[in-house]
Amino acid sequence: MGNQLTKNNTIALIHTLETQGKQSEALVSLLREMGNVKEEMIELKDEVKEHVSESRSLYEKMSEQVTITYEEQKELRSIVSKLAISLTEEHQKRQGKTYSGNLFKAWKGMFMSRIHSKLKKRMNVVRYTSIKRVDFDEALAYLNVLTYEHFSLADLQATPAVLNVLELEEK
């Protein structure tokens, strides 16, 4: 019986060692694979960082090239129109006259033209619709501080349209 017990213990021990050997090999294989996965993850992380950086760069370039939206154009037109009315009223007051409806509209048109010219010059564009989206707030701020005093004597000279209305009203 003692021999039998020793033989069974030996077989069990061999079996345990074989199983542990297989488990060790599996564990070593798993650790190697995890090392490979880690390296791949680091490479992917670097690639993602590079793509994010490129995307941000493209976004910034695109943002600089995008012009104002139609709604923003309408907002600028509205502000310019209100400012032109205000400037026309100030001009009328400084001249000590009361303009007829047509003459008021002619002066308002002149001021709208002058405001657009100043805005385009300030924003360095050929037409106000070409103002860049990133510069929209600056354009609004500029219009909000524009006053009658910003216009030179040459700016305040009557245009042919104003002179035409004056001539028609004299008849």
Protein backbone atom coordinates (compact mmCIF):
# COMPACT_ATOMS: atom_id res chain seq x y z
CA MET A 1 0.00 0.00 0.00
CA GLY A 2 2.84 2.37 0.72
CA ASN A 3 4.18 1.83 -2.75
CA GLN A 4 0.78 2.43 -4.20
CA LEU A 5 0.49 5.70 -2.24
CA THR A 6 3.89 6.87 -3.35
CA LYS A 7 3.09 5.97 -6.94
CA ASN A 8 -0.23 7.88 -6.77
CA ASN A 9 1.47 10.86 -5.15
CA THR A 10 4.14 10.83 -7.83
CA ILE A 11 1.51 10.70 -10.59
CA ALA A 12 -0.43 13.52 -8.93
CA LEU A 13 2.75 15.54 -8.53
CA ILE A 14 3.70 14.98 -12.19
CA HIS A 15 0.19 15.94 -13.26
CA THR A 16 0.30 19.07 -11.08
CA LEU A 17 3.69 20.06 -12.48
CA GLU A 18 2.55 19.46 -16.05
CA THR A 19 -0.57 21.54 -15.42
CA GLN A 20 1.47 24.28 -13.80
CA GLY A 21 3.88 24.17 -16.73
CA LYS A 22 1.01 24.61 -19.18
CA GLN A 23 -0.42 27.40 -17.06
CA SER A 24 3.00 29.06 -16.89
CA GLU A 25 3.36 28.85 -20.68
CA ALA A 26 -0.14 30.28 -21.11
CA LEU A 27 0.64 33.06 -18.63
CA VAL A 28 3.94 33.87 -20.38
CA SER A 29 2.15 33.90 -23.72
CA LEU A 30 -0.57 36.16 -22.31
CA LEU A 31 2.00 38.58 -20.85
CA ARG A 32 3.84 38.75 -24.18
CA GLU A 33 0.57 39.43 -25.99
CA MET A 34 -0.30 42.14 -23.45
CA GLY A 35 3.10 43.72 -24.09
CA ASN A 36 2.35 43.74 -27.84
CA VAL A 37 -1.10 45.23 -27.23
CA LYS A 38 0.45 47.92 -25.03
CA GLU A 39 2.91 48.86 -27.78
CA GLU A 40 0.09 49.00 -30.33
CA MET A 41 -1.97 51.19 -27.97
CA ILE A 42 0.96 53.59 -27.55
CA GLU A 43 1.34 53.78 -31.35
CA LEU A 44 -2.40 54.37 -31.76
CA LYS A 45 -2.33 57.05 -29.07
CA ASP A 46 0.45 58.87 -30.93
CA GLU A 47 -1.46 58.59 -34.22
CA VAL A 48 -4.65 59.91 -32.61
CA LYS A 49 -2.73 62.85 -31.12
CA GLU A 50 -1.31 63.63 -34.56
CA HIS A 51 -4.75 63.43 -36.20
CA VAL A 52 -6.29 65.65 -33.52
CA SER A 53 -3.53 68.20 -34.03
CA GLU A 54 -4.05 68.16 -37.81
CA SER A 55 -7.82 68.47 -37.33
CA ARG A 56 -7.43 71.47 -35.05
CA SER A 57 -5.09 73.11 -37.52
CA LEU A 58 -7.53 72.56 -40.37
CA TYR A 59 -10.41 73.83 -38.24
CA GLU A 60 -8.51 77.03 -37.44
CA LYS A 61 -7.64 77.57 -41.10
CA MET A 62 -11.25 76.96 -42.13
CA SER A 63 -12.55 79.29 -39.41
CA GLU A 64 -10.32 82.05 -40.70
CA GLN A 65 -11.65 81.60 -44.23
CA VAL A 66 -15.35 81.32 -43.44
CA THR A 67 -17.28 84.54 -43.99
CA ILE A 68 -20.25 85.78 -42.00
CA THR A 69 -23.58 84.00 -42.35
CA TYR A 70 -26.66 85.43 -44.02
CA GLU A 71 -28.18 86.16 -40.60
CA GLU A 72 -25.04 88.02 -39.55
CA GLN A 73 -25.15 89.99 -42.81
CA LYS A 74 -28.75 90.96 -42.02
CA GLU A 75 -27.71 92.02 -38.53
CA LEU A 76 -24.95 94.24 -39.94
CA ARG A 77 -27.36 95.74 -42.50
CA SER A 78 -29.84 96.51 -39.74
CA ILE A 79 -27.21 98.18 -37.57
CA VAL A 80 -25.89 100.17 -40.54
CA SER A 81 -29.42 101.32 -41.40
CA LYS A 82 -30.19 102.41 -37.82
CA LEU A 83 -26.83 104.15 -37.57
CA ALA A 84 -27.46 105.93 -40.90
CA ILE A 85 -30.82 107.19 -39.60
CA SER A 86 -29.16 108.44 -36.41
CA LEU A 87 -26.36 110.14 -38.36
CA THR A 88 -28.85 111.73 -40.77
CA GLU A 89 -30.83 113.11 -37.83
CA GLU A 90 -27.60 114.48 -36.32
CA HIS A 91 -26.61 116.02 -39.67
CA GLN A 92 -30.06 117.58 -40.03
CA LYS A 93 -29.79 118.99 -36.50
CA ARG A 94 -26.31 120.43 -37.09
CA GLN A 95 -27.45 122.09 -40.30
CA GLY A 96 -30.46 123.52 -38.48
CA LYS A 97 -32.85 122.25 -41.14
CA THR A 98 -35.77 119.87 -41.39
CA TYR A 99 -35.43 117.51 -44.33
CA SER A 100 -38.32 116.35 -46.46
CA GLY A 101 -38.92 112.61 -46.64
CA ASN A 102 -37.07 112.27 -49.93
CA LEU A 103 -34.15 114.41 -48.83
CA PHE A 104 -33.90 112.48 -45.55
CA LYS A 105 -33.78 109.21 -47.53
CA ALA A 106 -31.08 110.62 -49.82
CA TRP A 107 -28.91 111.68 -46.87
CA LYS A 108 -29.58 108.34 -45.17
CA GLY A 109 -28.42 106.55 -48.34
CA MET A 110 -25.28 108.68 -48.38
CA PHE A 111 -24.53 107.82 -44.74
CA MET A 112 -25.17 104.12 -45.38
CA SER A 113 -22.66 104.23 -48.22
CA ARG A 114 -20.09 106.04 -46.06
CA ILE A 115 -20.61 103.61 -43.14
CA HIS A 116 -20.14 100.63 -45.45
CA SER A 117 -16.97 102.23 -46.84
CA LYS A 118 -15.54 102.79 -43.37
CA LEU A 119 -16.50 99.27 -42.26
CA LYS A 120 -14.92 97.67 -45.36
CA LYS A 121 -11.75 99.70 -44.89
CA ARG A 122 -11.59 98.80 -41.19
CA MET A 123 -12.14 95.08 -41.85
CA ASN A 124 -9.92 95.08 -44.96
CA VAL A 125 -12.51 93.56 -47.31
CA VAL A 126 -13.94 94.59 -50.68
CA ARG A 127 -17.55 94.10 -49.57
CA TYR A 128 -19.06 93.79 -46.14
CA THR A 129 -20.37 90.30 -46.91
CA SER A 130 -16.73 89.17 -47.11
CA ILE A 131 -16.07 89.90 -43.45
CA LYS A 132 -14.60 86.81 -41.85
CA ARG A 133 -16.67 85.02 -39.26
CA VAL A 134 -13.91 85.35 -36.67
CA ASP A 135 -13.99 89.16 -37.18
CA PHE A 136 -17.77 89.56 -36.84
CA ASP A 137 -17.64 90.74 -33.21
CA GLU A 138 -14.98 93.29 -34.11
CA ALA A 139 -17.20 94.60 -36.92
CA LEU A 140 -20.13 94.96 -34.51
CA ALA A 141 -17.94 96.74 -31.97
CA TYR A 142 -16.67 99.12 -34.65
CA LEU A 143 -20.20 100.02 -35.74
CA ASN A 144 -21.26 100.55 -32.14
CA VAL A 145 -18.58 103.19 -31.55
CA LEU A 146 -18.94 104.95 -34.93
CA THR A 147 -20.28 108.49 -34.42
CA TYR A 148 -20.86 111.65 -36.45
CA GLU A 149 -17.42 112.90 -35.41
CA HIS A 150 -15.77 110.01 -37.26
CA PHE A 151 -16.83 111.54 -40.59
CA SER A 152 -14.63 114.13 -42.29
CA LEU A 153 -15.94 117.21 -44.08
CA ALA A 154 -15.39 115.37 -47.35
CA ASP A 155 -17.53 112.48 -46.04
CA LEU A 156 -20.32 114.94 -45.23
CA GLN A 157 -20.45 116.54 -48.68
CA ALA A 158 -23.72 116.06 -50.53
CA THR A 159 -23.66 113.26 -53.08
CA PRO A 160 -25.15 113.60 -56.58
CA ALA A 161 -28.29 111.83 -55.29
CA VAL A 162 -28.70 114.39 -52.50
CA LEU A 163 -28.04 117.28 -54.89
CA ASN A 164 -30.59 115.85 -57.32
CA VAL A 165 -33.27 115.73 -54.59
CA LEU A 166 -32.40 119.29 -53.53
CA GLU A 167 -32.72 120.46 -57.12
CA LEU A 168 -36.08 118.72 -57.58
CA GLU A 169 -37.42 120.20 -54.33
CA GLU A 170 -36.44 123.74 -55.40
CA LYS A 171 -38.66 123.51 -58.48
